[in-house]
C-alpha atoms as a PDB file:
ATOM      1  CA  MET A   1       0.000   0.000   0.000  1.00  0.00           C
ATOM      2  CA  ILE A   2       1.154   3.544  -0.766  1.00  0.00           C
ATOM      3  CA  GLU A   3       0.369   5.984   2.038  1.00  0.00           C
ATOM      4  CA  SER A   4      -0.307   8.847  -0.367  1.00  0.00           C
ATOM      5  CA  GLY A   5      -3.323  10.426   1.283  1.00  0.00           C
ATOM      6  CA  TYR A   6      -6.375  11.443  -0.750  1.00  0.00           C
ATOM      7  CA  THR A   7      -5.803  11.362  -4.538  1.00  0.00           C
ATOM      8  CA  ARG A   8      -9.388  11.702  -5.929  1.00  0.00           C
ATOM      9  CA  LEU A   9     -10.117   8.549  -7.976  1.00  0.00           C
ATOM     10  CA  GLY A  10      -6.763   6.965  -7.116  1.00  0.00           C
ATOM     11  CA  ILE A  11      -3.821   6.338  -9.413  1.00  0.00           C
ATOM     12  CA  GLN A  12      -4.562   6.898 -13.108  1.00  0.00           C
ATOM     13  CA  THR A  13      -1.218   6.065 -14.707  1.00  0.00           C
ATOM     14  CA  SER A  14       2.059   4.501 -13.632  1.00  0.00           C
ATOM     15  CA  GLU A  15       5.586   3.988 -14.882  1.00  0.00           C
ATOM     16  CA  PHE A  16       8.532   2.094 -13.391  1.00  0.00           C
ATOM     17  CA  TYR A  17      11.558   4.021 -14.550  1.00  0.00           C
ATOM     18  CA  ALA A  18      15.155   4.365 -13.331  1.00  0.00           C
ATOM     19  CA  GLY A  19      14.440   2.175 -10.302  1.00  0.00           C
ATOM     20  CA  GLN A  20      11.466   4.264  -9.151  1.00  0.00           C
ATOM     21  CA  TRP A  21       7.703   4.163  -9.525  1.00  0.00           C
ATOM     22  CA  TRP A  22       5.980   7.269 -10.886  1.00  0.00           C
ATOM     23  CA  PHE A  23       2.210   7.546 -10.354  1.00  0.00           C
ATOM     24  CA  GLY A  24      -0.047  10.146 -11.960  1.00  0.00           C
ATOM     25  CA  CYS A  25      -3.235  10.976 -10.046  1.00  0.00           C
ATOM     26  CA  TYR A  26      -6.233  13.301 -10.289  1.00  0.00           C
ATOM     27  CA  GLY A  27      -6.499  15.821  -7.455  1.00  0.00           C
ATOM     28  CA  ASN A  28      -3.537  16.431  -5.158  1.00  0.00           C
ATOM     29  CA  PRO A  29      -0.961  15.110  -5.122  1.00  0.00           C
ATOM     30  CA  LYS A  30      -0.909  14.850  -8.913  1.00  0.00           C
ATOM     31  CA  LEU A  31       2.449  13.058  -9.128  1.00  0.00           C
ATOM     32  CA  ILE A  32       3.787  10.556  -6.589  1.00  0.00           C
ATOM     33  CA  LYS A  33       7.258   9.042  -6.794  1.00  0.00           C
ATOM     34  CA  THR A  34       8.173   5.939  -4.781  1.00  0.00           C
ATOM     35  CA  ASP A  35      11.085   3.563  -4.573  1.00  0.00           C
ATOM     36  CA  ALA A  36      10.802  -0.038  -5.767  1.00  0.00           C
ATOM     37  CA  LYS A  37       9.282  -1.005  -2.388  1.00  0.00           C
ATOM     38  CA  PHE A  38       6.575   1.696  -2.702  1.00  0.00           C
ATOM     39  CA  GLN A  39       8.028   4.003  -0.058  1.00  0.00           C
ATOM     40  CA  ILE A  40       7.138   7.581  -0.989  1.00  0.00           C
ATOM     41  CA  LEU A  41      10.102   9.661  -2.133  1.00  0.00           C
ATOM     42  CA  ASP A  42       8.263  12.747  -3.386  1.00  0.00           C
ATOM     43  CA  LYS A  43       4.813  14.231  -4.045  1.00  0.00           C
ATOM     44  CA  SER A  44       4.165  17.027  -6.537  1.00  0.00           C
ATOM     45  CA  ASP A  45       1.311  19.063  -8.001  1.00  0.00           C
ATOM     46  CA  PHE A  46       2.737  18.468 -11.510  1.00  0.00           C
ATOM     47  CA  ASN A  47      -0.113  16.922 -13.551  1.00  0.00           C
ATOM     48  CA  ALA A  48       0.850  13.468 -14.845  1.00  0.00           C
ATOM     49  CA  SER A  49      -2.610  11.854 -14.674  1.00  0.00           C
ATOM     50  CA  LEU A  50      -3.000  11.266 -18.437  1.00  0.00           C
ATOM     51  CA  GLY A  51       0.183   9.312 -19.062  1.00  0.00           C
ATOM     52  CA  ILE A  52       3.813   9.079 -18.047  1.00  0.00           C
ATOM     53  CA  VAL A  53       6.753   7.409 -19.802  1.00  0.00           C
ATOM     54  CA  GLY A  54      10.455   7.460 -18.945  1.00  0.00           C
ATOM     55  CA  TYR A  55      12.495   9.027 -21.744  1.00  0.00           C
ATOM     56  CA  SER A  56      16.042   9.799 -20.613  1.00  0.00           C
ATOM     57  CA  PRO A  57      17.920   9.828 -17.293  1.00  0.00           C
ATOM     58  CA  LYS A  58      16.361  13.147 -16.301  1.00  0.00           C
ATOM     59  CA  LYS A  59      13.214  13.430 -18.447  1.00  0.00           C
ATOM     60  CA  LEU A  60       9.756  11.885 -18.526  1.00  0.00           C
ATOM     61  CA  PHE A  61       7.146  12.300 -21.237  1.00  0.00           C
ATOM     62  CA  ILE A  62       3.785  13.397 -19.820  1.00  0.00           C
ATOM     63  CA  GLY A  63       0.417  13.110 -21.582  1.00  0.00           C
ATOM     64  CA  ASN A  64      -1.649  16.293 -21.798  1.00  0.00           C
ATOM     65  CA  SER A  65      -5.139  17.065 -23.067  1.00  0.00           C
ATOM     66  CA  LYS A  66      -6.511  20.224 -24.638  1.00  0.00           C
ATOM     67  CA  VAL A  67     -10.026  20.795 -25.971  1.00  0.00           C
ATOM     68  CA  ASN A  68     -10.290  22.518 -29.374  1.00  0.00           C
ATOM     69  CA  ALA A  69     -13.159  24.641 -30.767  1.00  0.00           C
ATOM     70  CA  ASP A  70     -14.997  21.484 -31.911  1.00  0.00           C
ATOM     71  CA  LYS A  71     -14.833  20.141 -28.336  1.00  0.00           C
ATOM     72  CA  LEU A  72     -12.421  17.416 -29.395  1.00  0.00           C
ATOM     73  CA  HIS A  73      -9.513  16.521 -27.164  1.00  0.00           C
ATOM     74  CA  LYS A  74      -5.991  16.686 -28.557  1.00  0.00           C
ATOM     75  CA  GLY A  75      -3.208  14.860 -26.746  1.00  0.00           C
ATOM     76  CA  PRO A  76       0.137  16.644 -26.945  1.00  0.00           C
ATOM     77  CA  ILE A  77       3.167  15.319 -25.066  1.00  0.00           C
ATOM     78  CA  GLY A  78       4.843  17.439 -22.429  1.00  0.00           C
ATOM     79  CA  VAL A  79       8.195  16.872 -20.729  1.00  0.00           C
ATOM     80  CA  TYR A  80       8.809  16.637 -17.001  1.00  0.00           C
ATOM     81  CA  VAL A  81      12.421  17.228 -16.000  1.00  0.00           C
ATOM     82  CA  LYS A  82      13.349  15.605 -12.714  1.00  0.00           C
END
């Protein structure tokens, strides 16, 4: 169990990368980082709830969503630098 506190709807996305778990959540915290044994290392309000993928030693790709004029969602990729 991860003692994260309230995350509104729980974990939405996860990635095991560089020996750590990264969890994207709705609400706060939005990003939780744990070690391989699920001990919390960090919590952040950086939004990673739509997708997270390890890219390089210090970068993660993060899914984003934007609504256009036709009310369609577009999914650009952002970068989180750790």
